[in-house]
Every structure is written in C-alpha cells, then in structure tokens.
C-alpha cells in the first residue's frame, strides 16, 4: 500500500490534528486528513442517533463502572490513551459499533465510486471480516444500548483505493 501522505498526517493528538487541518469523523472515531474526509457522511452519521460515550471510572469507584463523556471529550483523546491495551479507552454501545461498521462500508463504497482517497484505518480485511461477523452475530440476548468497549480514536493517513488492488488480506 502506498500512502499519499506521511504515516501520521493528523499527528497523534487532537491538538496536532486541528493544526494540520484534519477533521474528526464521529462514525469512524478518527481524525482524517481533508483528502479522505467525507463531510456529508459524517454529518449524516452525527444526526442519525444521539450517540453516547463513556470512559472507565477511577479504580476507587469499582470495576466495570463508567462515566459519560461528551463527543468533544472523545475527540480530544490522544492516540496513546486509546490503545486497546490501555484500560482507559472509551466505550460506546453495541448499536454504535454496528453503525460504525456500516459507516465504514459507506466510506469505502463512495471512495470506490468517486475515485477518492480512503482512510487507512478501514482498509484492512480484518476490519471488514470483523464487521461482517458482528453484523451476523446472534443478538437475541443483547440490547443495542448495552455498553461495550468499542470506541477508540484513530489518526490514519489516506490512500487511493486503486493502490489497494492486489494486496493480500490481513487475515486474523
């Protein structure tokens, strides 16, 4: 894959992303360079539902407790704070997770049809298969408003869809 921009064109913090002219896409939970940001898709996603997010509470409040955060606070989380190995990555609902997957597929489809760049955070085959498995999961015993650790910020680069052709999928 040939990246059109540097490896971290939006930096690794919201402050760096804003200075670089990047845009925060809520559905992808990513700071995107202007060249692969889709304002219409982002605005549509933001108005789809009153999305909610949480961070784990302090250890003093007990295990498995969370505190709500705003979208503004969510987008300000730096890359180091949102690594999945770090216990403080943000949480959202199962509904958000599924909507995120559909949003990513819309990004890919529009990029393909319009010959536009795409965020590298959604180009991996493992992301597509993960989302496919989640979409087909039996949810009869689950509520879509149930909180799950599904949200973590990304600071991807952009890549031209054409440059992805012929790449081996990163099967997991």
Protein backbone atom coordinates (compact mmCIF):
# COMPACT_ATOMS: atom_id res chain seq x y z
CA UNK A 1 0.00 0.00 0.00
CA UNK A 2 1.39 3.38 -0.99
CA UNK A 3 0.39 6.17 1.38
CA UNK A 4 -0.31 9.53 -0.21
CA UNK A 5 0.58 11.38 2.98
CA UNK A 6 3.01 10.80 5.79
CA UNK A 7 2.32 7.96 8.21
CA UNK A 8 0.67 10.29 10.74
CA UNK A 9 -0.65 13.27 8.72
CA UNK A 10 -3.00 14.29 11.56
CA UNK A 11 -0.44 13.72 14.29
CA UNK A 12 -1.29 11.73 17.41
CA UNK A 13 -3.44 14.22 19.32
CA UNK A 14 -6.50 16.35 18.69
CA UNK A 15 -4.38 19.48 19.00
CA UNK A 16 -1.98 18.25 16.30
CA UNK A 17 -4.90 17.14 14.12
CA UNK A 18 -6.59 20.54 14.34
CA UNK A 19 -3.33 22.32 13.48
CA UNK A 20 -2.94 20.02 10.45
CA UNK A 21 -6.44 20.91 9.22
CA UNK A 22 -7.83 17.43 9.88
CA UNK A 23 -11.50 16.67 10.58
CA UNK A 24 -12.94 14.41 13.27
CA UNK A 25 -15.31 11.81 11.78
CA UNK A 26 -17.55 10.54 14.55
CA UNK A 27 -18.60 7.30 12.83
CA UNK A 28 -15.00 6.26 12.24
CA UNK A 29 -13.83 7.82 15.51
CA UNK A 30 -10.91 9.18 13.55
CA UNK A 31 -9.13 12.40 12.78
CA UNK A 32 -8.96 12.39 8.98
CA UNK A 33 -6.91 14.43 6.53
CA UNK A 34 -9.09 16.63 4.34
CA UNK A 35 -8.36 14.48 1.27
CA UNK A 36 -10.26 11.46 2.63
CA UNK A 37 -12.80 13.12 4.92
CA UNK A 38 -16.43 12.83 3.75
CA UNK A 39 -18.32 15.69 5.37
CA UNK A 40 -21.73 14.51 4.12
CA UNK A 41 -21.30 11.01 5.56
CA UNK A 42 -20.01 12.39 8.86
CA UNK A 43 -22.89 14.85 9.22
CA UNK A 44 -25.40 12.14 8.33
CA UNK A 45 -23.91 9.83 10.97
CA UNK A 46 -23.95 12.53 13.66
CA UNK A 47 -27.67 13.18 13.15
CA UNK A 48 -28.64 9.51 12.89
CA UNK A 49 -28.86 8.93 16.63
CA UNK A 50 -27.91 10.68 19.91
CA UNK A 51 -24.63 8.76 20.27
CA UNK A 52 -23.20 8.38 23.77
CA UNK A 53 -19.71 7.53 25.00
CA UNK A 54 -18.11 6.65 28.31
CA UNK A 55 -14.71 6.33 29.94
CA UNK A 56 -13.95 3.88 32.74
CA UNK A 57 -14.29 5.45 36.18
CA UNK A 58 -11.38 5.65 38.56
CA UNK A 59 -10.37 2.45 40.34
CA UNK A 60 -11.94 3.85 43.53
CA UNK A 61 -15.45 3.52 42.09
CA UNK A 62 -15.15 -0.20 41.47
CA UNK A 63 -14.62 -2.43 38.46
CA UNK A 64 -16.78 -2.22 35.34
CA UNK A 65 -18.12 1.25 36.06
CA UNK A 66 -18.12 4.07 33.56
CA UNK A 67 -18.68 7.82 33.40
CA UNK A 68 -20.25 9.60 30.42
CA UNK A 69 -18.15 11.87 28.22
CA UNK A 70 -19.08 14.33 25.50
CA UNK A 71 -18.21 13.93 21.84
CA UNK A 72 -15.83 16.87 22.28
CA UNK A 73 -14.02 15.00 25.07
CA UNK A 74 -13.99 11.83 22.96
CA UNK A 75 -12.33 13.55 20.04
CA UNK A 76 -9.71 15.07 22.34
CA UNK A 77 -8.37 11.69 23.49
CA UNK A 78 -4.79 11.28 22.23
CA UNK A 79 -3.59 8.19 20.41
CA UNK A 80 -1.65 6.91 23.43
CA UNK A 81 -4.80 6.96 25.59
CA UNK A 82 -6.92 4.95 23.19
CA UNK A 83 -4.75 1.91 22.60
CA UNK A 84 -6.87 -1.17 23.25
CA UNK A 85 -4.23 -2.46 25.67
CA UNK A 86 -4.74 0.64 27.78
CA UNK A 87 -7.73 0.08 30.11
CA UNK A 88 -8.99 3.64 29.60
CA UNK A 89 -10.11 3.53 26.01
CA UNK A 90 -13.59 4.91 25.51
CA UNK A 91 -16.76 2.87 25.43
CA UNK A 92 -19.97 3.16 23.45
CA UNK A 93 -22.98 0.98 22.68
CA UNK A 94 -23.28 -2.13 20.55
CA UNK A 95 -25.54 -0.07 18.32
CA UNK A 96 -22.70 2.40 17.78
CA UNK A 97 -20.33 -0.42 16.90
CA UNK A 98 -22.66 -1.78 14.23
CA UNK A 99 -23.34 1.72 12.90
CA UNK A 100 -19.57 2.33 12.77
CA UNK A 101 -19.17 -0.73 10.55
CA UNK A 102 -21.91 0.39 8.19
CA UNK A 103 -20.41 3.89 8.12
CA UNK A 104 -17.01 2.44 7.18
CA UNK A 105 -18.60 0.47 4.35
CA UNK A 106 -20.31 3.64 3.09
CA UNK A 107 -16.92 5.39 3.11
CA UNK A 108 -15.36 2.58 1.10
CA UNK A 109 -18.20 2.44 -1.40
CA UNK A 110 -18.21 6.19 -2.03
CA UNK A 111 -14.42 6.24 -2.36
CA UNK A 112 -14.63 3.47 -4.94
CA UNK A 113 -17.42 5.12 -6.93
CA UNK A 114 -15.89 8.60 -6.83
CA UNK A 115 -12.25 7.52 -7.13
CA UNK A 116 -11.42 9.25 -3.85
CA UNK A 117 -8.91 8.52 -1.15
CA UNK A 118 -9.89 6.36 1.82
CA UNK A 119 -8.73 6.35 5.45
CA UNK A 120 -6.19 3.59 6.06
CA UNK A 121 -7.96 2.68 9.31
CA UNK A 122 -10.78 0.98 7.36
CA UNK A 123 -8.80 -0.67 4.55
CA UNK A 124 -7.77 -3.80 6.44
CA UNK A 125 -9.50 -7.03 5.51
CA UNK A 126 -9.65 -7.98 9.19
CA UNK A 127 -11.80 -4.91 9.87
CA UNK A 128 -14.25 -5.92 7.14
CA UNK A 129 -14.48 -9.54 8.31
CA UNK A 130 -14.81 -8.43 11.94
CA UNK A 131 -17.70 -6.13 10.99
CA UNK A 132 -19.29 -8.89 8.91
CA UNK A 133 -19.14 -11.30 11.85
CA UNK A 134 -20.60 -8.66 14.17
CA UNK A 135 -23.46 -7.96 11.76
CA UNK A 136 -24.32 -11.67 11.63
CA UNK A 137 -23.96 -12.23 15.38
CA UNK A 138 -26.99 -13.52 17.26
CA UNK A 139 -28.18 -10.52 19.24
CA UNK A 140 -31.37 -12.02 20.63
CA UNK A 141 -29.99 -11.85 24.18
CA UNK A 142 -28.32 -8.46 23.79
CA UNK A 143 -29.61 -4.91 23.92
CA UNK A 144 -28.19 -2.47 21.40
CA UNK A 145 -27.92 0.11 24.15
CA UNK A 146 -25.63 -2.17 26.16
CA UNK A 147 -22.27 -0.55 26.80
CA UNK A 148 -19.22 -2.21 25.28
CA UNK A 149 -15.57 -1.22 24.75
CA UNK A 150 -15.88 -0.41 21.07
CA UNK A 151 -14.63 3.13 20.68
CA UNK A 152 -11.02 4.18 20.24
CA UNK A 153 -9.61 7.13 18.31
CA UNK A 154 -7.60 6.74 15.16
CA UNK A 155 -5.27 9.11 13.35
CA UNK A 156 -4.98 7.41 9.92
CA UNK A 157 -3.41 8.51 6.69
CA UNK A 158 -5.22 8.43 3.34
CA UNK A 159 -4.68 6.03 0.48
CA UNK A 160 -6.01 5.89 -3.06
CA UNK A 161 -8.38 2.92 -3.48
CA UNK A 162 -6.59 1.87 -6.67
CA UNK A 163 -3.34 1.36 -4.73
CA UNK A 164 -5.01 -1.34 -2.61
CA UNK A 165 -5.69 -3.67 -5.54
CA UNK A 166 -3.79 -6.93 -5.38
CA UNK A 167 -2.88 -6.64 -1.70
CA UNK A 168 -3.07 -9.79 0.37
CA UNK A 169 -5.79 -9.57 3.02
CA UNK A 170 -4.51 -9.43 6.59
CA UNK A 171 -6.50 -12.44 7.77
CA UNK A 172 -6.67 -12.90 11.51
